[in-house]
Amino acid sequence: MTFQIVIKTKEEAKNLEFINKQLTIKLNQMSKVKEMEVTPKAITKEELERVTELQTELQSYLANIGVLEVQKAKAIYQVNMLEKGMDEMKKSIEENYGPININLTDGTYEEIKE
């Protein structure tokens, strides 16, 4: 490839000389680069099978943990809702009967004396 450059000043000539030196250096460096080995390296078939098995099993357990975490979150939410309902019920009973202890088997109660 050939280029024709018109140089009008000494400064342009110096700049061109500098660029030419830089290009020469770069081309020399590029010619020294060794070609990389292209032969693929691989683990044994047995090793690959075992790694694949382990990875599949690991993914399965991680998916199960995710499902369990969702179930746990739903259970915690439900517990919170039940506790809220229980608090509301306690307030309602206390408004009607005052502070009492309730026998949950037969519904009888005893007044709490302060």
Protein backbone atom coordinates (compact mmCIF):
# COMPACT_ATOMS: atom_id res chain seq x y z
CA MET A 1 0.00 0.00 0.00
CA THR A 2 1.45 3.37 -0.97
CA PHE A 3 0.49 6.86 0.20
CA GLN A 4 1.48 10.17 -1.27
CA ILE A 5 1.84 12.99 1.24
CA VAL A 6 2.61 16.61 0.41
CA ILE A 7 4.78 18.26 3.04
CA LYS A 8 4.74 22.06 3.16
CA THR A 9 6.62 22.93 6.36
CA LYS A 10 9.50 21.63 8.45
CA GLU A 11 7.02 21.00 11.30
CA GLU A 12 4.91 18.77 9.07
CA ALA A 13 8.06 16.91 8.04
CA LYS A 14 9.02 16.35 11.71
CA ASN A 15 5.50 15.17 12.52
CA LEU A 16 5.56 12.80 9.57
CA GLU A 17 8.95 11.47 10.61
CA PHE A 18 7.67 10.88 14.14
CA ILE A 19 4.56 9.08 12.84
CA ASN A 20 6.70 6.97 10.53
CA LYS A 21 8.95 5.93 13.44
CA GLN A 22 5.94 5.03 15.57
CA LEU A 23 4.43 2.94 12.76
CA THR A 24 7.73 1.16 12.21
CA ILE A 25 8.00 0.36 15.92
CA LYS A 26 4.42 -0.93 16.02
CA LEU A 27 4.92 -3.09 12.91
CA ASN A 28 8.09 -4.56 14.41
CA GLN A 29 6.26 -5.36 17.64
CA MET A 30 3.42 -6.98 15.72
CA SER A 31 5.79 -9.19 13.75
CA LYS A 32 7.26 -10.47 17.03
CA VAL A 33 3.90 -11.61 18.36
CA LYS A 34 3.73 -15.39 18.47
CA GLU A 35 0.73 -17.16 17.14
CA MET A 36 -1.40 -18.75 19.84
CA GLU A 37 -1.89 -22.46 19.99
CA VAL A 38 -5.29 -23.34 18.51
CA THR A 39 -5.48 -26.92 19.66
CA PRO A 40 -8.42 -27.06 22.08
CA LYS A 41 -7.74 -28.51 25.50
CA ALA A 42 -10.42 -30.52 27.27
CA ILE A 43 -11.02 -32.52 30.42
CA THR A 44 -11.81 -36.22 30.14
CA LYS A 45 -15.27 -37.43 29.17
CA GLU A 46 -15.75 -38.95 32.63
CA GLU A 47 -14.76 -35.69 34.33
CA LEU A 48 -17.15 -33.73 32.14
CA GLU A 49 -20.00 -36.14 32.91
CA ARG A 50 -19.35 -35.88 36.66
CA VAL A 51 -19.13 -32.08 36.61
CA THR A 52 -22.37 -31.94 34.60
CA GLU A 53 -24.10 -34.30 37.07
CA LEU A 54 -22.97 -32.23 40.04
CA GLN A 55 -24.02 -28.98 38.38
CA THR A 56 -27.47 -30.41 37.55
CA GLU A 57 -27.97 -31.66 41.10
CA LEU A 58 -26.82 -28.34 42.54
CA GLN A 59 -29.26 -26.43 40.33
CA SER A 60 -32.07 -28.74 41.43
CA TYR A 61 -31.38 -28.12 45.11
CA LEU A 62 -31.11 -24.38 44.54
CA ALA A 63 -34.49 -24.40 42.78
CA ASN A 64 -36.00 -26.36 45.68
CA ILE A 65 -34.58 -23.85 48.15
CA GLY A 66 -36.21 -21.06 46.14
CA VAL A 67 -39.60 -22.80 46.33
CA LEU A 68 -39.16 -23.34 50.07
CA GLU A 69 -38.25 -19.68 50.57
CA VAL A 70 -41.47 -18.61 48.82
CA GLN A 71 -43.47 -21.02 50.99
CA LYS A 72 -41.70 -19.68 54.08
CA ALA A 73 -42.55 -16.09 53.13
CA LYS A 74 -46.21 -17.03 52.62
CA ALA A 75 -46.30 -18.84 55.99
CA ILE A 76 -44.75 -15.86 57.78
CA TYR A 77 -47.33 -13.57 56.17
CA GLN A 78 -50.14 -15.90 57.25
CA VAL A 79 -48.80 -16.02 60.84
CA ASN A 80 -48.71 -12.22 60.90
CA MET A 81 -52.32 -12.05 59.67
CA LEU A 82 -53.44 -14.60 62.30
CA GLU A 83 -51.67 -12.67 65.07
CA LYS A 84 -53.37 -9.48 63.92
CA GLY A 85 -56.75 -11.27 63.94
CA MET A 86 -56.04 -12.65 67.43
CA ASP A 87 -55.15 -9.19 68.74
CA GLU A 88 -58.38 -7.78 67.32
CA MET A 89 -60.39 -10.61 68.88
CA LYS A 90 -58.71 -10.09 72.28
CA LYS A 91 -59.62 -6.39 72.18
CA SER A 92 -63.23 -7.19 71.30
CA ILE A 93 -63.57 -9.77 74.10
CA GLU A 94 -61.89 -7.47 76.59
CA GLU A 95 -64.32 -4.66 75.66
CA ASN A 96 -67.27 -7.02 76.35
CA TYR A 97 -65.98 -8.93 79.41
CA GLY A 98 -63.04 -6.95 80.75
CA PRO A 99 -59.66 -8.63 81.34
CA ILE A 100 -60.24 -12.42 81.48
CA ASN A 101 -58.50 -15.78 81.06
CA ILE A 102 -60.44 -18.07 78.72
CA ASN A 103 -60.51 -21.87 78.89
CA LEU A 104 -60.17 -22.75 75.21
CA THR A 105 -61.70 -26.20 75.75
CA ASP A 106 -65.14 -25.15 77.01
CA GLY A 107 -65.21 -21.34 76.70
CA THR A 108 -65.47 -20.64 80.40
CA TYR A 109 -63.45 -17.76 81.76
CA GLU A 110 -62.07 -16.25 84.92
CA GLU A 111 -61.77 -12.56 85.54
CA ILE A 112 -58.25 -11.23 85.96
CA LYS A 113 -58.01 -9.30 89.20
CA GLU A 114 -55.51 -6.48 89.12
